[in-house]
Amino acid sequence: MGERVHPSDGDNGRGGGRSQPRARILPARSLEGHLPANDNPVPPGRRLKRLAWMIVTTLGVVLGIAATVVSLLH
């Protein structure tokens, strides 16, 4: 009897204990942590880097086209 009780309790306790908190924690994190995750840690840096690279590439393209036009005219 003791051998049957321990494995069943261990399996149910482990499986239920692991699955239920994960199911509860993930939605809580996704709902509560979703907005701050987008607002605070990553996007400002990514947005600044993207804007910087977009400006640099745009200036490079414009200057390249201008140089090509000037060289063709002269």
PDB file of N, CA and C in Angstrom:
ATOM      1  N   MET A   1       0.835  -1.203   0.000  1.00  0.00           N
ATOM      2  CA  MET A   1       0.000   0.000   0.000  1.00  0.00           C
ATOM      3  C   MET A   1       0.860   1.239   0.000  1.00  0.00           C
ATOM      4  N   GLY A   2       1.950   1.207   0.775  1.00  0.00           N
ATOM      5  CA  GLY A   2       2.805   2.377   0.858  1.00  0.00           C
ATOM      6  C   GLY A   2       3.494   2.667  -0.470  1.00  0.00           C
ATOM      7  N   GLU A   3       3.850   1.607  -1.203  1.00  0.00           N
ATOM      8  CA  GLU A   3       4.515   1.811  -2.479  1.00  0.00           C
ATOM      9  C   GLU A   3       3.583   2.452  -3.504  1.00  0.00           C
ATOM     10  N   ARG A   4       2.310   2.106  -3.450  1.00  0.00           N
ATOM     11  CA  ARG A   4       1.355   2.678  -4.394  1.00  0.00           C
ATOM     12  C   ARG A   4       1.078   4.151  -4.085  1.00  0.00           C
ATOM     13  N   VAL A   5       1.044   4.499  -2.816  1.00  0.00           N
ATOM     14  CA  VAL A   5       0.684   5.863  -2.423  1.00  0.00           C
ATOM     15  C   VAL A   5       1.785   6.840  -2.818  1.00  0.00           C
ATOM     16  N   HIS A   6       3.035   6.465  -2.578  1.00  0.00           N
ATOM     17  CA  HIS A   6       4.118   7.422  -2.808  1.00  0.00           C
ATOM     18  C   HIS A   6       4.306   7.779  -4.278  1.00  0.00           C
ATOM     19  N   PRO A   7       4.357   6.797  -5.208  1.00  0.00           N
ATOM     20  CA  PRO A   7       4.519   7.198  -6.611  1.00  0.00           C
ATOM     21  C   PRO A   7       3.334   7.999  -7.137  1.00  0.00           C
ATOM     22  N   SER A   8       2.116   7.620  -6.738  1.00  0.00           N
ATOM     23  CA  SER A   8       0.962   8.351  -7.257  1.00  0.00           C
ATOM     24  C   SER A   8       0.946   9.772  -6.704  1.00  0.00           C
ATOM     25  N   ASP A   9       1.253   9.914  -5.416  1.00  0.00           N
ATOM     26  CA  ASP A   9       1.283  11.257  -4.840  1.00  0.00           C
ATOM     27  C   ASP A   9       2.420  12.076  -5.460  1.00  0.00           C
ATOM     28  N   GLY A  10       3.565  11.419  -5.664  1.00  0.00           N
ATOM     29  CA  GLY A  10       4.693  12.142  -6.240  1.00  0.00           C
ATOM     30  C   GLY A  10       4.399  12.588  -7.660  1.00  0.00           C
ATOM     31  N   ASP A  11       3.788  11.718  -8.461  1.00  0.00           N
ATOM     32  CA  ASP A  11       3.470  12.080  -9.842  1.00  0.00           C
ATOM     33  C   ASP A  11       2.425  13.175  -9.895  1.00  0.00           C
ATOM     34  N   ASN A  12       1.373  12.994  -9.107  1.00  0.00           N
ATOM     35  CA  ASN A  12       0.313  14.004  -9.113  1.00  0.00           C
ATOM     36  C   ASN A  12       0.817  15.322  -8.549  1.00  0.00           C
ATOM     37  N   GLY A  13       1.588  15.245  -7.485  1.00  0.00           N
ATOM     38  CA  GLY A  13       2.095  16.467  -6.871  1.00  0.00           C
ATOM     39  C   GLY A  13       3.059  17.185  -7.793  1.00  0.00           C
ATOM     40  N   ARG A  14       3.929  16.428  -8.409  1.00  0.00           N
ATOM     41  CA  ARG A  14       4.905  17.062  -9.299  1.00  0.00           C
ATOM     42  C   ARG A  14       4.242  17.593 -10.569  1.00  0.00           C
ATOM     43  N   GLY A  15       3.465  16.729 -11.209  1.00  0.00           N
ATOM     44  CA  GLY A  15       2.833  17.138 -12.459  1.00  0.00           C
ATOM     45  C   GLY A  15       1.854  18.266 -12.242  1.00  0.00           C
ATOM     46  N   GLY A  16       0.978  18.120 -11.235  1.00  0.00           N
ATOM     47  CA  GLY A  16       0.006  19.164 -10.965  1.00  0.00           C
ATOM     48  C   GLY A  16       0.679  20.423 -10.458  1.00  0.00           C
ATOM     49  N   GLY A  17       1.688  20.253  -9.619  1.00  0.00           N
ATOM     50  CA  GLY A  17       2.381  21.414  -9.069  1.00  0.00           C
ATOM     51  C   GLY A  17       3.133  22.182 -10.140  1.00  0.00           C
ATOM     52  N   ARG A  18       3.676  21.473 -11.094  1.00  0.00           N
ATOM     53  CA  ARG A  18       4.427  22.152 -12.143  1.00  0.00           C
ATOM     54  C   ARG A  18       3.512  22.788 -13.181  1.00  0.00           C
ATOM     55  N   SER A  19       2.482  22.061 -13.582  1.00  0.00           N
ATOM     56  CA  SER A  19       1.643  22.563 -14.669  1.00  0.00           C
ATOM     57  C   SER A  19       0.759  23.717 -14.201  1.00  0.00           C
ATOM     58  N   GLN A  20       0.185  23.622 -13.021  1.00  0.00           N
ATOM     59  CA  GLN A  20      -0.725  24.671 -12.577  1.00  0.00           C
ATOM     60  C   GLN A  20      -0.024  26.005 -12.352  1.00  0.00           C
ATOM     61  N   PRO A  21       1.112  26.048 -11.637  1.00  0.00           N
ATOM     62  CA  PRO A  21       1.758  27.363 -11.472  1.00  0.00           C
ATOM     63  C   PRO A  21       2.218  27.949 -12.803  1.00  0.00           C
ATOM     64  N   ARG A  22       2.709  27.097 -13.705  1.00  0.00           N
ATOM     65  CA  ARG A  22       3.130  27.619 -15.005  1.00  0.00           C
ATOM     66  C   ARG A  22       1.954  28.219 -15.741  1.00  0.00           C
ATOM     67  N   ALA A  23       0.828  27.530 -15.707  1.00  0.00           N
ATOM     68  CA  ALA A  23      -0.364  28.032 -16.387  1.00  0.00           C
ATOM     69  C   ALA A  23      -0.824  29.340 -15.751  1.00  0.00           C
ATOM     70  N   ARG A  24      -0.665  29.462 -14.459  1.00  0.00           N
ATOM     71  CA  ARG A  24      -1.096  30.679 -13.783  1.00  0.00           C
ATOM     72  C   ARG A  24      -0.069  31.794 -13.944  1.00  0.00           C
ATOM     73  N   ILE A  25       1.225  31.455 -13.920  1.00  0.00           N
ATOM     74  CA  ILE A  25       2.263  32.485 -13.952  1.00  0.00           C
ATOM     75  C   ILE A  25       2.393  33.078 -15.353  1.00  0.00           C
ATOM     76  N   LEU A  26       2.333  32.241 -16.385  1.00  0.00           N
ATOM     77  CA  LEU A  26       2.540  32.748 -17.735  1.00  0.00           C
ATOM     78  C   LEU A  26       1.507  33.794 -18.152  1.00  0.00           C
ATOM     79  N   PRO A  27       0.215  33.561 -17.933  1.00  0.00           N
ATOM     80  CA  PRO A  27      -0.732  34.613 -18.289  1.00  0.00           C
ATOM     81  C   PRO A  27      -0.532  35.865 -17.462  1.00  0.00           C
ATOM     82  N   ALA A  28      -0.201  35.705 -16.178  1.00  0.00           N
ATOM     83  CA  ALA A  28       0.017  36.871 -15.334  1.00  0.00           C
ATOM     84  C   ALA A  28       1.210  37.666 -15.858  1.00  0.00           C
ATOM     85  N   ARG A  29       2.267  36.984 -16.228  1.00  0.00           N
ATOM     86  CA  ARG A  29       3.438  37.687 -16.754  1.00  0.00           C
ATOM     87  C   ARG A  29       3.137  38.321 -18.109  1.00  0.00           C
ATOM     88  N   SER A  30       2.392  37.591 -18.929  1.00  0.00           N
ATOM     89  CA  SER A  30       2.111  38.121 -20.260  1.00  0.00           C
ATOM     90  C   SER A  30       1.212  39.344 -20.170  1.00  0.00           C
ATOM     91  N   LEU A  31       0.259  39.338 -19.255  1.00  0.00           N
ATOM     92  CA  LEU A  31      -0.652  40.477 -19.143  1.00  0.00           C
ATOM     93  C   LEU A  31       0.021  41.633 -18.412  1.00  0.00           C
ATOM     94  N   GLU A  32       0.636  41.341 -17.258  1.00  0.00           N
ATOM     95  CA  GLU A  32       1.225  42.415 -16.463  1.00  0.00           C
ATOM     96  C   GLU A  32       2.583  42.846 -17.024  1.00  0.00           C
ATOM     97  N   GLY A  33       3.394  41.884 -17.438  1.00  0.00           N
ATOM     98  CA  GLY A  33       4.741  42.208 -17.874  1.00  0.00           C
ATOM     99  C   GLY A  33       4.826  42.584 -19.340  1.00  0.00           C
ATOM    100  N   HIS A  34       3.731  42.439 -20.087  1.00  0.00           N
ATOM    101  CA  HIS A  34       3.777  42.702 -21.527  1.00  0.00           C
ATOM    102  C   HIS A  34       4.010  44.187 -21.792  1.00  0.00           C
ATOM    103  N   LEU A  35       3.229  45.052 -21.162  1.00  0.00           N
ATOM    104  CA  LEU A  35       3.361  46.482 -21.412  1.00  0.00           C
ATOM    105  C   LEU A  35       4.694  47.033 -20.912  1.00  0.00           C
ATOM    106  N   PRO A  36       5.091  46.730 -19.662  1.00  0.00           N
ATOM    107  CA  PRO A  36       6.392  47.240 -19.235  1.00  0.00           C
ATOM    108  C   PRO A  36       7.537  46.661 -20.048  1.00  0.00           C
ATOM    109  N   ALA A  37       7.398  45.403 -20.502  1.00  0.00           N
ATOM    110  CA  ALA A  37       8.467  44.811 -21.298  1.00  0.00           C
ATOM    111  C   ALA A  37       8.630  45.586 -22.601  1.00  0.00           C
ATOM    112  N   ASN A  38       7.522  46.028 -23.196  1.00  0.00           N
ATOM    113  CA  ASN A  38       7.609  46.790 -24.432  1.00  0.00           C
ATOM    114  C   ASN A  38       8.025  48.231 -24.170  1.00  0.00           C
ATOM    115  N   ASP A  39       7.610  48.784 -23.027  1.00  0.00           N
ATOM    116  CA  ASP A  39       7.901  50.184 -22.755  1.00  0.00           C
ATOM    117  C   ASP A  39       9.318  50.379 -22.222  1.00  0.00           C
ATOM    118  N   ASN A  40       9.731  49.560 -21.262  1.00  0.00           N
ATOM    119  CA  ASN A  40      10.960  49.877 -20.548  1.00  0.00           C
ATOM    120  C   ASN A  40      12.241  49.274 -21.116  1.00  0.00           C
ATOM    121  N   PRO A  41      12.430  47.934 -21.109  1.00  0.00           N
ATOM    122  CA  PRO A  41      13.798  47.455 -21.271  1.00  0.00           C
ATOM    123  C   PRO A  41      14.345  47.530 -22.688  1.00  0.00           C
ATOM    124  N   VAL A  42      13.665  46.971 -23.671  1.00  0.00           N
ATOM    125  CA  VAL A  42      14.304  46.792 -24.970  1.00  0.00           C
ATOM    126  C   VAL A  42      13.936  47.858 -25.991  1.00  0.00           C
ATOM    127  N   PRO A  43      12.670  48.132 -26.233  1.00  0.00           N
ATOM    128  CA  PRO A  43      12.305  48.955 -27.382  1.00  0.00           C
ATOM    129  C   PRO A  43      12.943  50.332 -27.445  1.00  0.00           C
ATOM    130  N   PRO A  44      13.137  51.048 -26.322  1.00  0.00           N
ATOM    131  CA  PRO A  44      13.786  52.359 -26.488  1.00  0.00           C
ATOM    132  C   PRO A  44      15.146  52.238 -27.156  1.00  0.00           C
ATOM    133  N   GLY A  45      15.955  51.299 -26.705  1.00  0.00           N
ATOM    134  CA  GLY A  45      17.262  51.100 -27.315  1.00  0.00           C
ATOM    135  C   GLY A  45      17.145  50.646 -28.752  1.00  0.00           C
ATOM    136  N   ARG A  46      16.240  49.729 -28.998  1.00  0.00           N
ATOM    137  CA  ARG A  46      16.059  49.241 -30.370  1.00  0.00           C
ATOM    138  C   ARG A  46      15.528  50.342 -31.260  1.00  0.00           C
ATOM    139  N   ARG A  47      14.579  51.119 -30.731  1.00  0.00           N
ATOM    140  CA  ARG A  47      14.026  52.207 -31.536  1.00  0.00           C
ATOM    141  C   ARG A  47      15.092  53.236 -31.852  1.00  0.00           C
ATOM    142  N   LEU A  48      15.900  53.585 -30.863  1.00  0.00           N
ATOM    143  CA  LEU A  48      16.968  54.551 -31.112  1.00  0.00           C
ATOM    144  C   LEU A  48      17.972  54.006 -32.114  1.00  0.00           C
ATOM    145  N   LYS A  49      18.334  52.748 -31.949  1.00  0.00           N
ATOM    146  CA  LYS A  49      19.284  52.150 -32.892  1.00  0.00           C
ATOM    147  C   LYS A  49      18.689  52.080 -34.287  1.00  0.00           C
ATOM    148  N   ARG A  50      17.421  51.697 -34.380  1.00  0.00           N
ATOM    149  CA  ARG A  50      16.785  51.636 -35.695  1.00  0.00           C
ATOM    150  C   ARG A  50      16.702  53.007 -36.325  1.00  0.00           C
ATOM    151  N   LEU A  51      16.329  54.011 -35.528  1.00  0.00           N
ATOM    152  CA  LEU A  51      16.264  55.369 -36.072  1.00  0.00           C
ATOM    153  C   LEU A  51      17.643  55.837 -36.520  1.00  0.00           C
ATOM    154  N   ALA A  52      18.645  55.558 -35.711  1.00  0.00           N
ATOM    155  CA  ALA A  52      20.003  55.977 -36.075  1.00  0.00           C
ATOM    156  C   ALA A  52      20.437  55.312 -37.375  1.00  0.00           C
ATOM    157  N   TRP A  53      20.212  54.004 -37.484  1.00  0.00           N
ATOM    158  CA  TRP A  53      20.614  53.299 -38.699  1.00  0.00           C
ATOM    159  C   TRP A  53      19.810  53.754 -39.903  1.00  0.00           C
ATOM    160  N   MET A  54      18.528  54.023 -39.702  1.00  0.00           N
ATOM    161  CA  MET A  54      17.703  54.509 -40.810  1.00  0.00           C
ATOM    162  C   MET A  54      18.194  55.872 -41.282  1.00  0.00           C
ATOM    163  N   ILE A  55      18.541  56.746 -40.329  1.00  0.00           N
ATOM    164  CA  ILE A  55      19.043  58.070 -40.712  1.00  0.00           C
ATOM    165  C   ILE A  55      20.367  57.943 -41.450  1.00  0.00           C
ATOM    166  N   VAL A  56      21.258  57.116 -40.920  1.00  0.00           N
ATOM    167  CA  VAL A  56      22.578  56.952 -41.544  1.00  0.00           C
ATOM    168  C   VAL A  56      22.435  56.373 -42.947  1.00  0.00           C
ATOM    169  N   THR A  57      21.618  55.345 -43.098  1.00  0.00           N
ATOM    170  CA  THR A  57      21.459  54.737 -44.416  1.00  0.00           C
ATOM    171  C   THR A  57      20.757  55.690 -45.381  1.00  0.00           C
ATOM    172  N   THR A  58      19.785  56.446 -44.880  1.00  0.00           N
ATOM    173  CA  THR A  58      19.107  57.411 -45.749  1.00  0.00           C
ATOM    174  C   THR A  58      20.079  58.480 -46.220  1.00  0.00           C
ATOM    175  N   LEU A  59      20.867  58.999 -45.287  1.00  0.00           N
ATOM    176  CA  LEU A  59      21.870  60.007 -45.678  1.00  0.00           C
ATOM    177  C   LEU A  59      22.871  59.410 -46.662  1.00  0.00           C
ATOM    178  N   GLY A  60      23.279  58.180 -46.434  1.00  0.00           N
ATOM    179  CA  GLY A  60      24.223  57.546 -47.340  1.00  0.00           C
ATOM    180  C   GLY A  60      23.646  57.382 -48.738  1.00  0.00           C
ATOM    181  N   VAL A  61      22.393  56.971 -48.818  1.00  0.00           N
ATOM    182  CA  VAL A  61      21.758  56.807 -50.123  1.00  0.00           C
ATOM    183  C   VAL A  61      21.612  58.150 -50.812  1.00  0.00           C
ATOM    184  N   VAL A  62      21.148  59.159 -50.067  1.00  0.00           N
ATOM    185  CA  VAL A  62      20.958  60.492 -50.660  1.00  0.00           C
ATOM    186  C   VAL A  62      22.289  61.059 -51.138  1.00  0.00           C
ATOM    187  N   LEU A  63      23.323  60.949 -50.309  1.00  0.00           N
ATOM    188  CA  LEU A  63      24.634  61.460 -50.711  1.00  0.00           C
ATOM    189  C   LEU A  63      25.185  60.668 -51.900  1.00  0.00           C
ATOM    190  N   GLY A  64      24.940  59.370 -51.922  1.00  0.00           N
ATOM    191  CA  GLY A  64      25.404  58.563 -53.048  1.00  0.00           C
ATOM    192  C   GLY A  64      24.709  58.952 -54.339  1.00  0.00           C
ATOM    193  N   ILE A  65      23.416  59.180 -54.282  1.00  0.00           N
ATOM    194  CA  ILE A  65      22.681  59.597 -55.478  1.00  0.00           C
ATOM    195  C   ILE A  65      23.133  60.989 -55.920  1.00  0.00           C
ATOM    196  N   ALA A  66      23.308  61.882 -54.938  1.00  0.00           N
ATOM    197  CA  ALA A  66      23.751  63.243 -55.269  1.00  0.00           C
ATOM    198  C   ALA A  66      25.138  63.212 -55.913  1.00  0.00           C
ATOM    199  N   ALA A  67      26.026  62.410 -55.361  1.00  0.00           N
ATOM    200  CA  ALA A  67      27.375  62.316 -55.932  1.00  0.00           C
ATOM    201  C   ALA A  67      27.316  61.736 -57.341  1.00  0.00           C
ATOM    202  N   THR A  68      26.459  60.781 -57.555  1.00  0.00           N
ATOM    203  CA  THR A  68      26.329  60.198 -58.895  1.00  0.00           C
ATOM    204  C   THR A  68      25.790  61.226 -59.887  1.00  0.00           C
ATOM    205  N   VAL A  69      24.783  61.974 -59.480  1.00  0.00           N
ATOM    206  CA  VAL A  69      24.209  62.987 -60.363  1.00  0.00           C
ATOM    207  C   VAL A  69      25.237  64.062 -60.674  1.00  0.00           C
ATOM    208  N   VAL A  70      25.956  64.513 -59.660  1.00  0.00           N
ATOM    209  CA  VAL A  70      26.967  65.559 -59.877  1.00  0.00           C
ATOM    210  C   VAL A  70      28.070  65.050 -60.793  1.00  0.00           C
ATOM    211  N   SER A  71      28.495  63.799 -60.575  1.00  0.00           N
ATOM    212  CA  SER A  71      29.566  63.270 -61.417  1.00  0.00           C
ATOM    213  C   SER A  71      29.091  63.090 -62.862  1.00  0.00           C
ATOM    214  N   LEU A  72      27.839  62.754 -63.072  1.00  0.00           N
ATOM    215  CA  LEU A  72      27.316  62.603 -64.424  1.00  0.00           C
ATOM    216  C   LEU A  72      27.161  63.964 -65.108  1.00  0.00           C
ATOM    217  N   LEU A  73      26.777  64.984 -64.365  1.00  0.00           N
ATOM    218  CA  LEU A  73      26.599  66.317 -64.953  1.00  0.00           C
ATOM    219  C   LEU A  73      27.939  66.949 -65.323  1.00  0.00           C
ATOM    220  N   HIS A  74      28.919  66.695 -64.511  1.00  0.00           N
ATOM    221  CA  HIS A  74      30.226  67.275 -64.836  1.00  0.00           C
ATOM    222  C   HIS A  74      30.955  66.311 -65.735  1.00  0.00           C
TER     223      HIS A  74
END
